[in-house]
Amino acid sequence: MKNILFEFISKYVSLTEDEKNAIVSLDIFRSVKKGTTLLKEGQKSKDSYFVLKGCIRTYYVLDSEEKTTAFYTEMEALTPLCVISKTPSEYYISCIEDTILTVSNSDMGVEINSKFPKFETLCRILSEELLAKQQIDFDEFKTSSPEQRYLNLLQKRPDLVQRVPQHQLASFLGIKPQSLSRLRARILEKSKE
């Protein structure tokens, strides 16, 4: 597990053995079973997540219906808004698959950043990349039709189609599961022509 994390980090900054040992000493690695809820609406949390293996999703429950807003898979990080705002969460985070992740909190961040300043640089770079990616995803969602959203998903994240239950995928695309079935059938027909 730690080697996967160190390999990822090495794309941004190089780590000394002391820095690697400091990360390992934080006891941040967790194996979580499929179906586990990491955060519930109304709950406060200091935890941030980094997916090493598996898939987690964020979703709201509106009028007794789950509305999926994001999926996080290998080498993706999630810091829930409630961690930053220090308020109760407005959404849920749960595991779609058996998942291995790192779980860290802001206290750990302060400690490790004071000992090893390059971690602050790493966090800043990752935050900037994540913000840019989220802005692009948001813009694409707002400016595209459900069919274009699905085709974008097939192009950018084809693994999700196999890994995520259809009703969650449909919710993420902003449509009903029946509409997703019809959309898939229509795309399949077009590909045969």
N, C-alpha and C. Protein backbone atom coordinates (compact mmCIF):
# COMPACT_ATOMS: atom_id res chain seq x y z
N MET A 1 0.82 -1.21 0.00
CA MET A 1 0.00 0.00 0.00
C MET A 1 0.86 1.26 0.00
N LYS A 2 1.85 1.27 0.91
CA LYS A 2 2.67 2.48 1.02
C LYS A 2 3.45 2.74 -0.26
N ASN A 3 3.88 1.66 -0.95
CA ASN A 3 4.65 1.85 -2.20
C ASN A 3 3.80 2.51 -3.28
N ILE A 4 2.51 2.16 -3.32
CA ILE A 4 1.60 2.79 -4.29
C ILE A 4 1.55 4.29 -4.03
N LEU A 5 1.41 4.65 -2.75
CA LEU A 5 1.35 6.06 -2.37
C LEU A 5 2.67 6.77 -2.69
N PHE A 6 3.78 6.15 -2.34
CA PHE A 6 5.08 6.79 -2.58
C PHE A 6 5.35 6.97 -4.08
N GLU A 7 4.91 6.02 -4.87
CA GLU A 7 5.08 6.12 -6.32
C GLU A 7 4.29 7.32 -6.86
N PHE A 8 3.06 7.48 -6.35
CA PHE A 8 2.24 8.62 -6.75
C PHE A 8 2.90 9.94 -6.35
N ILE A 9 3.33 10.03 -5.11
CA ILE A 9 3.95 11.26 -4.60
C ILE A 9 5.21 11.60 -5.39
N SER A 10 5.96 10.57 -5.80
CA SER A 10 7.22 10.81 -6.52
C SER A 10 7.02 11.52 -7.86
N LYS A 11 5.80 11.51 -8.37
CA LYS A 11 5.52 12.25 -9.61
C LYS A 11 5.55 13.76 -9.37
N TYR A 12 5.44 14.15 -8.10
CA TYR A 12 5.37 15.57 -7.75
C TYR A 12 6.59 16.06 -6.97
N VAL A 13 6.99 15.27 -5.97
CA VAL A 13 8.17 15.62 -5.16
C VAL A 13 8.92 14.34 -4.81
N SER A 14 10.24 14.48 -4.59
CA SER A 14 11.00 13.29 -4.18
C SER A 14 11.03 13.24 -2.65
N LEU A 15 10.94 12.03 -2.12
CA LEU A 15 10.90 11.84 -0.67
C LEU A 15 12.20 11.20 -0.17
N THR A 16 12.65 11.66 0.98
CA THR A 16 13.78 11.01 1.64
C THR A 16 13.23 9.83 2.44
N GLU A 17 14.11 8.98 2.92
CA GLU A 17 13.67 7.85 3.75
C GLU A 17 12.99 8.35 5.03
N ASP A 18 13.51 9.43 5.61
CA ASP A 18 12.90 10.01 6.82
C ASP A 18 11.46 10.45 6.54
N GLU A 19 11.25 11.07 5.38
CA GLU A 19 9.90 11.53 5.02
C GLU A 19 8.96 10.35 4.80
N LYS A 20 9.47 9.32 4.14
CA LYS A 20 8.65 8.11 3.95
C LYS A 20 8.29 7.48 5.29
N ASN A 21 9.27 7.39 6.19
CA ASN A 21 9.02 6.82 7.51
C ASN A 21 8.02 7.66 8.30
N ALA A 22 8.09 8.98 8.14
CA ALA A 22 7.15 9.87 8.82
C ALA A 22 5.72 9.60 8.35
N ILE A 23 5.55 9.37 7.05
CA ILE A 23 4.22 9.07 6.52
C ILE A 23 3.72 7.74 7.08
N VAL A 24 4.57 6.73 7.04
CA VAL A 24 4.18 5.40 7.55
C VAL A 24 3.82 5.47 9.03
N SER A 25 4.54 6.28 9.80
CA SER A 25 4.29 6.37 11.25
C SER A 25 2.94 7.01 11.57
N LEU A 26 2.34 7.69 10.60
CA LEU A 26 1.05 8.34 10.84
C LEU A 26 -0.11 7.34 10.92
N ASP A 27 0.12 6.09 10.50
CA ASP A 27 -0.92 5.07 10.53
C ASP A 27 -2.19 5.51 9.77
N ILE A 28 -2.00 5.85 8.50
CA ILE A 28 -3.08 6.42 7.71
C ILE A 28 -3.75 5.42 6.77
N PHE A 29 -3.22 4.21 6.64
CA PHE A 29 -3.75 3.26 5.67
C PHE A 29 -4.95 2.51 6.25
N ARG A 30 -6.03 2.43 5.47
CA ARG A 30 -7.25 1.74 5.91
C ARG A 30 -7.79 0.86 4.79
N SER A 31 -8.23 -0.34 5.16
CA SER A 31 -8.99 -1.20 4.25
C SER A 31 -10.44 -1.11 4.67
N VAL A 32 -11.30 -0.78 3.72
CA VAL A 32 -12.71 -0.54 4.02
C VAL A 32 -13.57 -1.42 3.12
N LYS A 33 -14.57 -2.06 3.70
CA LYS A 33 -15.44 -2.97 2.95
C LYS A 33 -16.44 -2.22 2.08
N LYS A 34 -16.79 -2.83 0.97
CA LYS A 34 -17.83 -2.33 0.07
C LYS A 34 -19.09 -2.06 0.90
N GLY A 35 -19.73 -0.93 0.63
CA GLY A 35 -20.97 -0.59 1.33
C GLY A 35 -20.77 0.24 2.59
N THR A 36 -19.52 0.38 3.03
CA THR A 36 -19.24 1.16 4.23
C THR A 36 -19.48 2.64 3.97
N THR A 37 -20.17 3.29 4.90
CA THR A 37 -20.38 4.73 4.82
C THR A 37 -19.25 5.41 5.59
N LEU A 38 -18.48 6.24 4.92
CA LEU A 38 -17.36 6.94 5.55
C LEU A 38 -17.81 8.23 6.23
N LEU A 39 -18.86 8.85 5.69
CA LEU A 39 -19.35 10.11 6.22
C LEU A 39 -20.85 10.18 5.95
N LYS A 40 -21.60 10.62 6.95
CA LYS A 40 -23.06 10.76 6.81
C LYS A 40 -23.46 12.23 6.84
N GLU A 41 -24.57 12.52 6.22
CA GLU A 41 -25.13 13.86 6.28
C GLU A 41 -25.34 14.22 7.76
N GLY A 42 -24.96 15.43 8.13
CA GLY A 42 -25.13 15.89 9.51
C GLY A 42 -23.95 15.58 10.41
N GLN A 43 -23.03 14.76 9.94
CA GLN A 43 -21.87 14.37 10.74
C GLN A 43 -20.74 15.37 10.52
N LYS A 44 -19.97 15.64 11.58
CA LYS A 44 -18.77 16.47 11.45
C LYS A 44 -17.58 15.54 11.26
N SER A 45 -16.57 16.02 10.56
CA SER A 45 -15.39 15.20 10.30
C SER A 45 -14.17 16.06 10.08
N LYS A 46 -13.02 15.50 10.39
CA LYS A 46 -11.73 16.14 10.07
C LYS A 46 -10.99 15.33 9.02
N ASP A 47 -11.60 14.22 8.55
CA ASP A 47 -10.91 13.26 7.69
C ASP A 47 -10.93 13.62 6.21
N SER A 48 -9.76 13.47 5.59
CA SER A 48 -9.60 13.55 4.14
C SER A 48 -9.18 12.18 3.65
N TYR A 49 -9.53 11.86 2.40
CA TYR A 49 -9.30 10.52 1.87
C TYR A 49 -8.49 10.58 0.59
N PHE A 50 -7.68 9.54 0.41
CA PHE A 50 -6.95 9.35 -0.83
C PHE A 50 -7.10 7.88 -1.20
N VAL A 51 -7.69 7.62 -2.37
CA VAL A 51 -7.99 6.24 -2.78
C VAL A 51 -6.75 5.60 -3.41
N LEU A 52 -6.29 4.52 -2.80
CA LEU A 52 -5.17 3.76 -3.36
C LEU A 52 -5.70 2.65 -4.26
N LYS A 53 -6.82 2.05 -3.85
CA LYS A 53 -7.46 0.99 -4.63
C LYS A 53 -8.93 0.98 -4.27
N GLY A 54 -9.79 0.90 -5.28
CA GLY A 54 -11.22 0.86 -5.02
C GLY A 54 -11.94 2.09 -5.55
N CYS A 55 -13.17 2.28 -5.03
CA CYS A 55 -14.01 3.36 -5.54
C CYS A 55 -14.93 3.84 -4.42
N ILE A 56 -14.96 5.15 -4.22
CA ILE A 56 -15.92 5.75 -3.29
C ILE A 56 -16.75 6.77 -4.05
N ARG A 57 -17.90 7.11 -3.48
CA ARG A 57 -18.75 8.11 -4.14
C ARG A 57 -19.29 9.08 -3.10
N THR A 58 -19.62 10.27 -3.58
CA THR A 58 -20.31 11.25 -2.76
C THR A 58 -21.73 11.36 -3.30
N TYR A 59 -22.68 11.51 -2.36
CA TYR A 59 -24.06 11.66 -2.78
C TYR A 59 -24.88 12.38 -1.72
N TYR A 60 -25.93 13.02 -2.20
CA TYR A 60 -26.92 13.67 -1.35
C TYR A 60 -28.15 12.79 -1.32
N VAL A 61 -28.96 12.91 -0.29
CA VAL A 61 -30.27 12.28 -0.27
C VAL A 61 -31.29 13.41 -0.30
N LEU A 62 -32.00 13.52 -1.43
CA LEU A 62 -33.00 14.57 -1.61
C LEU A 62 -34.34 13.92 -1.90
N ASP A 63 -35.34 14.25 -1.10
CA ASP A 63 -36.67 13.64 -1.24
C ASP A 63 -36.57 12.12 -1.28
N SER A 64 -35.80 11.56 -0.37
CA SER A 64 -35.59 10.11 -0.23
C SER A 64 -34.90 9.46 -1.42
N GLU A 65 -34.30 10.27 -2.29
CA GLU A 65 -33.62 9.73 -3.47
C GLU A 65 -32.14 10.13 -3.42
N GLU A 66 -31.26 9.15 -3.70
CA GLU A 66 -29.83 9.42 -3.73
C GLU A 66 -29.45 10.13 -5.02
N LYS A 67 -28.69 11.21 -4.88
CA LYS A 67 -28.18 11.97 -6.03
C LYS A 67 -26.65 11.94 -5.98
N THR A 68 -26.06 11.10 -6.82
CA THR A 68 -24.61 10.94 -6.85
C THR A 68 -23.96 12.16 -7.50
N THR A 69 -22.95 12.70 -6.83
CA THR A 69 -22.28 13.89 -7.37
C THR A 69 -20.87 13.61 -7.86
N ALA A 70 -20.22 12.54 -7.35
CA ALA A 70 -18.85 12.26 -7.79
C ALA A 70 -18.44 10.83 -7.43
N PHE A 71 -17.49 10.33 -8.21
CA PHE A 71 -16.83 9.05 -7.93
C PHE A 71 -15.35 9.33 -7.80
N TYR A 72 -14.71 8.66 -6.86
CA TYR A 72 -13.27 8.80 -6.66
C TYR A 72 -12.67 7.41 -6.73
N THR A 73 -11.70 7.24 -7.63
CA THR A 73 -11.05 5.95 -7.81
C THR A 73 -9.55 6.13 -7.58
N GLU A 74 -8.79 5.13 -7.99
CA GLU A 74 -7.36 5.09 -7.72
C GLU A 74 -6.66 6.43 -7.99
N MET A 75 -5.85 6.83 -7.02
CA MET A 75 -5.01 8.03 -7.06
C MET A 75 -5.83 9.32 -7.09
N GLU A 76 -7.03 9.29 -6.51
CA GLU A 76 -7.82 10.51 -6.40
C GLU A 76 -8.07 10.82 -4.93
N ALA A 77 -8.06 12.12 -4.63
CA ALA A 77 -8.21 12.59 -3.26
C ALA A 77 -9.55 13.29 -3.06
N LEU A 78 -10.02 13.22 -1.83
CA LEU A 78 -11.28 13.89 -1.48
C LEU A 78 -11.14 14.48 -0.08
N THR A 79 -11.28 15.77 0.01
CA THR A 79 -11.42 16.44 1.31
C THR A 79 -12.84 16.98 1.34
N PRO A 80 -13.70 16.37 2.17
CA PRO A 80 -15.09 16.84 2.24
C PRO A 80 -15.18 18.31 2.63
N LEU A 81 -16.15 19.01 2.08
CA LEU A 81 -16.34 20.42 2.36
C LEU A 81 -16.47 20.68 3.86
N CYS A 82 -17.11 19.76 4.57
CA CYS A 82 -17.34 19.95 6.01
C CYS A 82 -16.03 20.01 6.80
N VAL A 83 -14.98 19.43 6.25
CA VAL A 83 -13.66 19.48 6.91
C VAL A 83 -13.13 20.91 6.85
N ILE A 84 -13.30 21.54 5.72
CA ILE A 84 -12.81 22.90 5.51
C ILE A 84 -13.69 23.92 6.24
N SER A 85 -15.01 23.73 6.13
CA SER A 85 -15.95 24.69 6.73
C SER A 85 -16.18 24.44 8.22
N LYS A 86 -15.74 23.28 8.71
CA LYS A 86 -15.94 22.89 10.12
C LYS A 86 -17.42 22.91 10.51
N THR A 87 -18.26 22.47 9.56
CA THR A 87 -19.70 22.38 9.79
C THR A 87 -20.14 20.95 9.51
N PRO A 88 -21.35 20.57 9.91
CA PRO A 88 -21.83 19.21 9.59
C PRO A 88 -21.91 18.99 8.07
N SER A 89 -21.64 17.77 7.66
CA SER A 89 -21.67 17.43 6.24
C SER A 89 -23.09 17.53 5.69
N GLU A 90 -23.19 17.95 4.44
CA GLU A 90 -24.48 18.01 3.77
C GLU A 90 -24.69 16.79 2.88
N TYR A 91 -23.68 15.92 2.79
CA TYR A 91 -23.78 14.76 1.92
C TYR A 91 -23.13 13.54 2.56
N TYR A 92 -23.21 12.42 1.84
CA TYR A 92 -22.67 11.14 2.29
C TYR A 92 -21.45 10.78 1.44
N ILE A 93 -20.58 9.97 2.02
CA ILE A 93 -19.47 9.36 1.28
C ILE A 93 -19.50 7.88 1.61
N SER A 94 -19.54 7.03 0.58
CA SER A 94 -19.55 5.59 0.84
C SER A 94 -18.69 4.85 -0.17
N CYS A 95 -18.34 3.61 0.19
CA CYS A 95 -17.49 2.77 -0.66
C CYS A 95 -18.35 1.92 -1.59
N ILE A 96 -18.08 1.99 -2.87
CA ILE A 96 -18.78 1.19 -3.86
C ILE A 96 -18.13 -0.18 -3.99
N GLU A 97 -16.83 -0.24 -3.69
CA GLU A 97 -16.06 -1.48 -3.75
C GLU A 97 -15.28 -1.61 -2.45
N ASP A 98 -14.72 -2.79 -2.21
CA ASP A 98 -13.73 -2.91 -1.14
C ASP A 98 -12.63 -1.92 -1.52
N THR A 99 -12.24 -1.09 -0.57
CA THR A 99 -11.37 0.04 -0.89
C THR A 99 -10.20 0.12 0.08
N ILE A 100 -9.04 0.47 -0.46
CA ILE A 100 -7.88 0.77 0.38
C ILE A 100 -7.61 2.25 0.21
N LEU A 101 -7.59 2.97 1.33
CA LEU A 101 -7.36 4.39 1.25
C LEU A 101 -6.48 4.89 2.38
N THR A 102 -6.01 6.11 2.20
CA THR A 102 -5.35 6.77 3.31
C THR A 102 -6.39 7.70 3.91
N VAL A 103 -6.37 7.78 5.22
CA VAL A 103 -7.26 8.68 5.93
C VAL A 103 -6.38 9.59 6.78
N SER A 104 -6.43 10.87 6.47
CA SER A 104 -5.62 11.83 7.22
C SER A 104 -6.54 12.95 7.71
N ASN A 105 -6.03 13.74 8.63
CA ASN A 105 -6.81 14.87 9.10
C ASN A 105 -5.94 16.12 9.16
N SER A 106 -6.58 17.25 9.39
CA SER A 106 -5.86 18.53 9.35
C SER A 106 -4.77 18.61 10.41
N ASP A 107 -4.97 17.97 11.57
CA ASP A 107 -3.94 17.98 12.61
C ASP A 107 -2.66 17.29 12.11
N MET A 108 -2.85 16.15 11.42
CA MET A 108 -1.69 15.45 10.84
C MET A 108 -1.00 16.33 9.82
N GLY A 109 -1.80 17.02 9.03
CA GLY A 109 -1.25 17.89 7.99
C GLY A 109 -0.36 18.97 8.56
N VAL A 110 -0.82 19.61 9.63
CA VAL A 110 -0.04 20.67 10.27
C VAL A 110 1.28 20.09 10.78
N GLU A 111 1.20 18.93 11.44
CA GLU A 111 2.39 18.30 12.01
C GLU A 111 3.41 17.93 10.92
N ILE A 112 2.93 17.26 9.88
CA ILE A 112 3.84 16.78 8.83
C ILE A 112 4.39 17.96 8.01
N ASN A 113 3.55 18.98 7.77
CA ASN A 113 4.01 20.15 7.00
C ASN A 113 5.08 20.92 7.76
N SER A 114 4.97 20.96 9.10
CA SER A 114 5.98 21.69 9.87
C SER A 114 7.32 20.94 9.85
N LYS A 115 7.26 19.60 9.85
CA LYS A 115 8.50 18.80 9.82
C LYS A 115 9.09 18.74 8.41
N PHE A 116 8.21 18.65 7.41
CA PHE A 116 8.64 18.46 6.03
C PHE A 116 7.89 19.43 5.11
N PRO A 117 8.43 20.63 4.91
CA PRO A 117 7.74 21.67 4.13
C PRO A 117 7.34 21.26 2.71
N LYS A 118 8.04 20.29 2.12
CA LYS A 118 7.69 19.93 0.74
C LYS A 118 6.29 19.31 0.65
N PHE A 119 5.76 18.80 1.78
CA PHE A 119 4.40 18.27 1.75
C PHE A 119 3.36 19.37 1.52
N GLU A 120 3.67 20.55 2.03
CA GLU A 120 2.78 21.68 1.80
C GLU A 120 2.76 22.01 0.30
N THR A 121 3.92 21.96 -0.33
CA THR A 121 4.01 22.18 -1.77
C THR A 121 3.21 21.11 -2.52
N LEU A 122 3.38 19.85 -2.12
CA LEU A 122 2.64 18.75 -2.74
C LEU A 122 1.14 18.97 -2.62
N CYS A 123 0.68 19.31 -1.42
CA CYS A 123 -0.76 19.53 -1.19
C CYS A 123 -1.28 20.69 -2.04
N ARG A 124 -0.50 21.74 -2.16
CA ARG A 124 -0.91 22.88 -2.97
C ARG A 124 -1.04 22.48 -4.44
N ILE A 125 -0.06 21.75 -4.97
CA ILE A 125 -0.10 21.32 -6.37
C ILE A 125 -1.31 20.42 -6.61
N LEU A 126 -1.53 19.45 -5.72
CA LEU A 126 -2.66 18.54 -5.87
C LEU A 126 -3.99 19.29 -5.78
N SER A 127 -4.07 20.26 -4.87
CA SER A 127 -5.29 21.06 -4.73
C SER A 127 -5.58 21.86 -6.00
N GLU A 128 -4.54 22.45 -6.57
CA GLU A 128 -4.71 23.22 -7.80
C GLU A 128 -5.18 22.32 -8.94
N GLU A 129 -4.58 21.13 -9.06
CA GLU A 129 -4.98 20.19 -10.11
C GLU A 129 -6.43 19.75 -9.93
N LEU A 130 -6.79 19.44 -8.68
CA LEU A 130 -8.15 19.00 -8.39
C LEU A 130 -9.16 20.10 -8.70
N LEU A 131 -8.86 21.32 -8.30
CA LEU A 131 -9.76 22.44 -8.56
C LEU A 131 -9.96 22.64 -10.06
N ALA A 132 -8.88 22.58 -10.82
CA ALA A 132 -8.99 22.74 -12.28
C ALA A 132 -9.83 21.62 -12.89
N LYS A 133 -9.59 20.38 -12.45
CA LYS A 133 -10.35 19.23 -12.96
C LYS A 133 -11.83 19.37 -12.63
N GLN A 134 -12.13 19.78 -11.40
CA GLN A 134 -13.54 19.93 -11.00
C GLN A 134 -14.23 21.03 -11.80
N GLN A 135 -13.51 22.11 -12.09
CA GLN A 135 -14.10 23.19 -12.88
C GLN A 135 -14.42 22.71 -14.29
N ILE A 136 -13.50 21.95 -14.89
CA ILE A 136 -13.73 21.40 -16.23
C ILE A 136 -14.93 20.44 -16.20
N ASP A 137 -14.97 19.55 -15.21
CA ASP A 137 -16.08 18.59 -15.09
C ASP A 137 -17.41 19.32 -14.92
N PHE A 138 -17.43 20.35 -14.08
CA PHE A 138 -18.65 21.11 -13.84
C PHE A 138 -19.11 21.80 -15.12
N ASP A 139 -18.18 22.46 -15.81
CA ASP A 139 -18.52 23.14 -17.06
C ASP A 139 -19.06 22.16 -18.10
N GLU A 140 -18.39 21.01 -18.23
CA GLU A 140 -18.85 20.00 -19.20
C GLU A 140 -20.26 19.51 -18.84
N PHE A 141 -20.51 19.30 -17.56
CA PHE A 141 -21.82 18.82 -17.13
C PHE A 141 -22.90 19.84 -17.46
N LYS A 142 -22.62 21.11 -17.19
CA LYS A 142 -23.61 22.17 -17.40
C LYS A 142 -23.88 22.44 -18.88
N THR A 143 -22.91 22.16 -19.74
CA THR A 143 -23.05 22.53 -21.15
C THR A 143 -23.33 21.35 -22.07
N SER A 144 -23.53 20.16 -21.52
CA SER A 144 -23.73 19.00 -22.39
C SER A 144 -25.05 18.29 -22.11
N SER A 145 -25.50 17.57 -23.11
CA SER A 145 -26.73 16.77 -22.98
C SER A 145 -26.39 15.48 -22.23
N PRO A 146 -27.42 14.77 -21.73
CA PRO A 146 -27.15 13.49 -21.07
C PRO A 146 -26.34 12.52 -21.96
N GLU A 147 -26.64 12.51 -23.25
CA GLU A 147 -25.90 11.62 -24.15
C GLU A 147 -24.43 12.04 -24.24
N GLN A 148 -24.17 13.34 -24.34
CA GLN A 148 -22.80 13.83 -24.38
C GLN A 148 -22.07 13.52 -23.06
N ARG A 149 -22.79 13.66 -21.93
CA ARG A 149 -22.20 13.34 -20.62
C ARG A 149 -21.77 11.88 -20.58
N TYR A 150 -22.64 11.00 -21.07
CA TYR A 150 -22.34 9.57 -21.06
C TYR A 150 -21.15 9.27 -21.98
N LEU A 151 -21.14 9.87 -23.17
CA LEU A 151 -20.03 9.67 -24.09
C LEU A 151 -18.72 10.21 -23.51
N ASN A 152 -18.77 11.36 -22.83
CA ASN A 152 -17.59 11.90 -22.14
C ASN A 152 -17.10 10.92 -21.07
N LEU A 153 -18.05 10.34 -20.34
CA LEU A 153 -17.70 9.37 -19.30
C LEU A 153 -17.03 8.15 -19.91
N LEU A 154 -17.58 7.66 -21.02
CA LEU A 154 -16.99 6.51 -21.71
C LEU A 154 -15.57 6.82 -22.17
N GLN A 155 -15.35 8.06 -22.59
CA GLN A 155 -14.03 8.45 -23.09
C GLN A 155 -13.04 8.67 -21.94
N LYS A 156 -13.46 9.37 -20.89
CA LYS A 156 -12.53 9.78 -19.84
C LYS A 156 -12.42 8.78 -18.69
N ARG A 157 -13.52 8.09 -18.38
CA ARG A 157 -13.51 7.18 -17.23
C ARG A 157 -14.28 5.90 -17.54
N PRO A 158 -13.87 5.17 -18.57
CA PRO A 158 -14.62 3.98 -19.00
C PRO A 158 -14.74 2.91 -17.91
N ASP A 159 -13.79 2.88 -16.98
CA ASP A 159 -13.83 1.89 -15.91
C ASP A 159 -15.08 2.03 -15.04
N LEU A 160 -15.59 3.26 -14.90
CA LEU A 160 -16.76 3.48 -14.04
C LEU A 160 -17.99 2.72 -14.56
N VAL A 161 -18.10 2.59 -15.86
CA VAL A 161 -19.26 1.91 -16.45
C VAL A 161 -19.33 0.46 -15.97
N GLN A 162 -18.17 -0.15 -15.75
CA GLN A 162 -18.11 -1.54 -15.28
C GLN A 162 -18.16 -1.63 -13.75
N ARG A 163 -17.69 -0.61 -13.06
CA ARG A 163 -17.51 -0.69 -11.62
C ARG A 163 -18.70 -0.18 -10.81
N VAL A 164 -19.49 0.68 -11.40
CA VAL A 164 -20.53 1.39 -10.65
C VAL A 164 -21.92 0.86 -11.01
N PRO A 165 -22.79 0.63 -10.02
CA PRO A 165 -24.16 0.20 -10.33
C PRO A 165 -24.85 1.22 -11.26
N GLN A 166 -25.67 0.70 -12.17
CA GLN A 166 -26.29 1.55 -13.19
C GLN A 166 -27.11 2.69 -12.58
N HIS A 167 -27.84 2.44 -11.48
CA HIS A 167 -28.67 3.51 -10.91
C HIS A 167 -27.81 4.65 -10.36
N GLN A 168 -26.61 4.33 -9.86
CA GLN A 168 -25.71 5.38 -9.37
C GLN A 168 -25.08 6.14 -10.54
N LEU A 169 -24.76 5.42 -11.60
CA LEU A 169 -24.21 6.04 -12.80
C LEU A 169 -25.24 7.00 -13.40
N ALA A 170 -26.49 6.55 -13.49
CA ALA A 170 -27.56 7.38 -14.03
C ALA A 170 -27.72 8.65 -13.19
N SER A 171 -27.73 8.49 -11.88
CA SER A 171 -27.86 9.63 -10.98
C SER A 171 -26.71 10.63 -11.20
N PHE A 172 -25.50 10.11 -11.35
CA PHE A 172 -24.33 10.94 -11.60
C PHE A 172 -24.48 11.73 -12.91
N LEU A 173 -25.09 11.10 -13.91
CA LEU A 173 -25.30 11.74 -15.21
C LEU A 173 -26.51 12.68 -15.22
N GLY A 174 -27.29 12.65 -14.13
CA GLY A 174 -28.45 13.52 -14.02
C GLY A 174 -29.68 12.99 -14.73
N ILE A 175 -29.76 11.65 -14.87
CA ILE A 175 -30.91 11.03 -15.53
C ILE A 175 -31.41 9.83 -14.71
N LYS A 176 -32.56 9.30 -15.11
CA LYS A 176 -33.12 8.11 -14.46
C LYS A 176 -32.46 6.86 -15.06
N PRO A 177 -32.43 5.74 -14.29
CA PRO A 177 -31.83 4.51 -14.82
C PRO A 177 -32.46 4.04 -16.14
N GLN A 178 -33.78 4.22 -16.28
CA GLN A 178 -34.44 3.81 -17.53
C GLN A 178 -33.93 4.64 -18.71
N SER A 179 -33.70 5.92 -18.47
CA SER A 179 -33.17 6.79 -19.53
C SER A 179 -31.76 6.37 -19.91
N LEU A 180 -30.97 5.95 -18.92
CA LEU A 180 -29.62 5.48 -19.22
C LEU A 180 -29.67 4.22 -20.08
N SER A 181 -30.59 3.32 -19.78
CA SER A 181 -30.75 2.10 -20.60
C SER A 181 -31.09 2.45 -22.04
N ARG A 182 -32.03 3.39 -22.21
CA ARG A 182 -32.42 3.79 -23.57
C ARG A 182 -31.25 4.48 -24.28
N LEU A 183 -30.53 5.31 -23.55
CA LEU A 183 -29.39 6.03 -24.12
C LEU A 183 -28.32 5.05 -24.58
N ARG A 184 -28.04 4.05 -23.74
CA ARG A 184 -27.04 3.03 -24.12
C ARG A 184 -27.49 2.29 -25.38
N ALA A 185 -28.76 1.94 -25.43
CA ALA A 185 -29.29 1.21 -26.59
C ALA A 185 -29.17 2.07 -27.86
N ARG A 186 -29.47 3.36 -27.72
CA ARG A 186 -29.39 4.28 -28.86
C ARG A 186 -27.95 4.39 -29.36
N ILE A 187 -27.01 4.49 -28.45
CA ILE A 187 -25.59 4.61 -28.82
C ILE A 187 -25.13 3.30 -29.48
N LEU A 188 -25.58 2.17 -28.96
CA LEU A 188 -25.24 0.88 -29.55
C LEU A 188 -25.77 0.77 -30.97
N GLU A 189 -27.01 1.23 -31.19
CA GLU A 189 -27.62 1.21 -32.54
C GLU A 189 -26.81 2.08 -33.50
N LYS A 190 -26.41 3.28 -33.04
CA LYS A 190 -25.63 4.19 -33.88
C LYS A 190 -24.30 3.57 -34.27
N SER A 191 -23.70 2.83 -33.33
CA SER A 191 -22.39 2.22 -33.61
C SER A 191 -22.48 1.09 -34.62
N LYS A 192 -23.66 0.49 -34.76
CA LYS A 192 -23.87 -0.60 -35.73
C LYS A 192 -24.08 -0.07 -37.15
N GLU A 193 -24.50 1.18 -37.23
CA GLU A 193 -24.82 1.76 -38.56
C GLU A 193 -23.58 1.98 -39.40
